[in-house]
Structure formats: C-alpha cells, structure tokens
Amino acid sequence: VSGGRHWDLGGALGGRIIEHEGVEGLAVRVWAPSARAVSVVGDMNGWNQRAHPLRTMGGSGVWELFLPGVGEGERYKLVVRGDAGGGDVYSK
C-alpha cells in the first residue's frame, strides 16, 4: 500500500467481518500516513474514542485492529487524530 502499487485497495483497506483464529469480528485497516492516532468508535464501545485504538504498521501509513465479537450491521466510524487530510477513502 505505501509504495503506491496495490491492485486491490478495496480488499486491503476498510472494515470487514472476518474470522480470525476461530473468532468472528470486525477487521479494520486504514491508510492514514499523517495520523498520530486512529481509533474505532461505535455501538460496540459506546462511542468512546479511547476504547479501541488501532496499531500502526510501521512506516507504511497503514493502521489496523481486529475487534472480536463485532458483527454485521453494527455502526462504527474511525477517528483520525493529527491527520492532514490523507485519510482512507475506503472508510465507512
């Protein structure tokens, strides 16, 4: 993603329900290279910005998190702090 040569960004970024190590949940990946912090807020955490911070994937600008137990239809948004406008176009 960071090299600008990814052929399926829709499959690499955004949020989707997956099974990880036998547990279903929401996997979120966002490209926010200028961000200082990114978190998920939504029904699952009472819209608390501190409850679910994403972790940075090094210098790629990609942040990610897996939220076990979050299912289809739950509302969520991403909070990007310190971003200078380079957020993920695939976020919902």
Protein backbone atom coordinates (compact mmCIF):
# COMPACT_ATOMS: atom_id res chain seq x y z
CA VAL A 1 0.00 0.00 0.00
CA SER A 2 2.69 2.50 0.96
CA GLY A 3 4.57 2.01 -2.30
CA GLY A 4 1.54 3.08 -4.34
CA ARG A 5 1.31 -0.24 -6.21
CA HIS A 6 -1.53 -2.18 -4.66
CA TRP A 7 -4.01 -3.59 -7.18
CA ASP A 8 -6.90 -4.25 -4.76
CA LEU A 9 -7.13 -1.40 -2.24
CA GLY A 10 -10.80 -2.19 -1.60
CA GLY A 11 -9.76 -5.64 -0.43
CA ALA A 12 -6.83 -4.35 1.62
CA LEU A 13 -8.37 -1.33 3.37
CA GLY A 14 -11.63 -0.56 5.15
CA GLY A 15 -13.66 -2.68 7.54
CA ARG A 16 -14.99 -6.18 7.05
CA ILE A 17 -16.29 -9.07 9.11
CA ILE A 18 -13.77 -11.91 9.18
CA GLU A 19 -12.90 -14.98 11.24
CA HIS A 20 -9.52 -14.69 12.98
CA GLU A 21 -8.17 -17.66 14.96
CA GLY A 22 -11.69 -19.10 15.16
CA VAL A 23 -13.32 -15.88 16.36
CA GLU A 24 -15.61 -13.72 14.22
CA GLY A 25 -15.22 -9.97 14.40
CA LEU A 26 -14.51 -6.72 12.61
CA ALA A 27 -11.11 -6.23 10.98
CA VAL A 28 -10.30 -2.59 10.23
CA ARG A 29 -7.39 -1.32 8.14
CA VAL A 30 -6.99 2.33 7.21
CA TRP A 31 -4.32 4.30 5.36
CA ALA A 32 -3.61 7.49 7.30
CA PRO A 33 0.10 8.29 6.86
CA SER A 34 -0.10 11.69 8.61
CA ALA A 35 -2.07 10.44 11.63
CA ARG A 36 -0.73 10.48 15.16
CA ALA A 37 -3.51 8.13 16.33
CA VAL A 38 -6.50 6.30 14.88
CA SER A 39 -9.34 4.66 16.80
CA VAL A 40 -12.68 2.96 16.18
CA VAL A 41 -15.80 4.34 17.83
CA GLY A 42 -19.26 2.82 17.62
CA ASP A 43 -22.03 0.79 19.16
CA MET A 44 -19.50 -1.74 20.49
CA ASN A 45 -17.80 0.77 22.80
CA GLY A 46 -20.38 3.47 23.49
CA TRP A 47 -18.63 5.78 21.01
CA ASN A 48 -15.61 6.04 23.33
CA GLN A 49 -12.57 7.33 21.38
CA ARG A 50 -10.09 5.75 23.81
CA ALA A 51 -11.55 2.24 23.91
CA HIS A 52 -10.22 0.79 20.63
CA PRO A 53 -7.03 2.40 19.27
CA LEU A 54 -5.61 0.96 16.06
CA ARG A 55 -1.95 -0.02 15.88
CA THR A 56 0.37 1.41 13.26
CA MET A 57 2.01 -0.95 10.80
CA GLY A 58 5.39 0.76 10.81
CA GLY A 59 6.20 3.36 8.17
CA SER A 60 3.55 2.19 5.70
CA GLY A 61 0.89 4.64 6.92
CA VAL A 62 -1.47 1.71 7.50
CA TRP A 63 -3.23 1.25 10.85
CA GLU A 64 -5.16 -1.89 11.84
CA LEU A 65 -7.26 -3.53 14.55
CA PHE A 66 -9.37 -6.67 15.00
CA LEU A 67 -12.48 -6.30 17.19
CA PRO A 68 -13.75 -9.74 18.26
CA GLY A 69 -17.50 -10.16 18.55
CA VAL A 70 -18.41 -7.14 16.43
CA GLY A 71 -20.93 -8.33 13.86
CA GLU A 72 -22.65 -7.33 10.65
CA GLY A 73 -24.75 -4.18 10.90
CA GLU A 74 -23.06 -2.61 13.94
CA ARG A 75 -22.41 1.09 13.43
CA TYR A 76 -18.86 2.40 13.66
CA LYS A 77 -16.65 5.24 12.49
CA LEU A 78 -12.94 5.96 12.51
CA VAL A 79 -11.40 8.82 14.46
CA VAL A 80 -8.16 10.03 12.90
CA ARG A 81 -6.13 12.44 15.03
CA GLY A 82 -3.34 14.60 13.65
CA ASP A 83 -4.29 13.80 10.06
CA ALA A 84 -3.53 16.48 7.49
CA GLY A 85 -6.14 15.26 5.03
CA GLY A 86 -4.56 11.98 3.88
CA GLY A 87 -7.19 9.59 5.26
CA ASP A 88 -8.58 6.37 3.88
CA VAL A 89 -11.12 6.72 1.08
CA TYR A 90 -12.49 3.26 1.90
CA SER A 91 -13.58 4.10 5.47
CA LYS A 92 -17.31 3.98 6.13
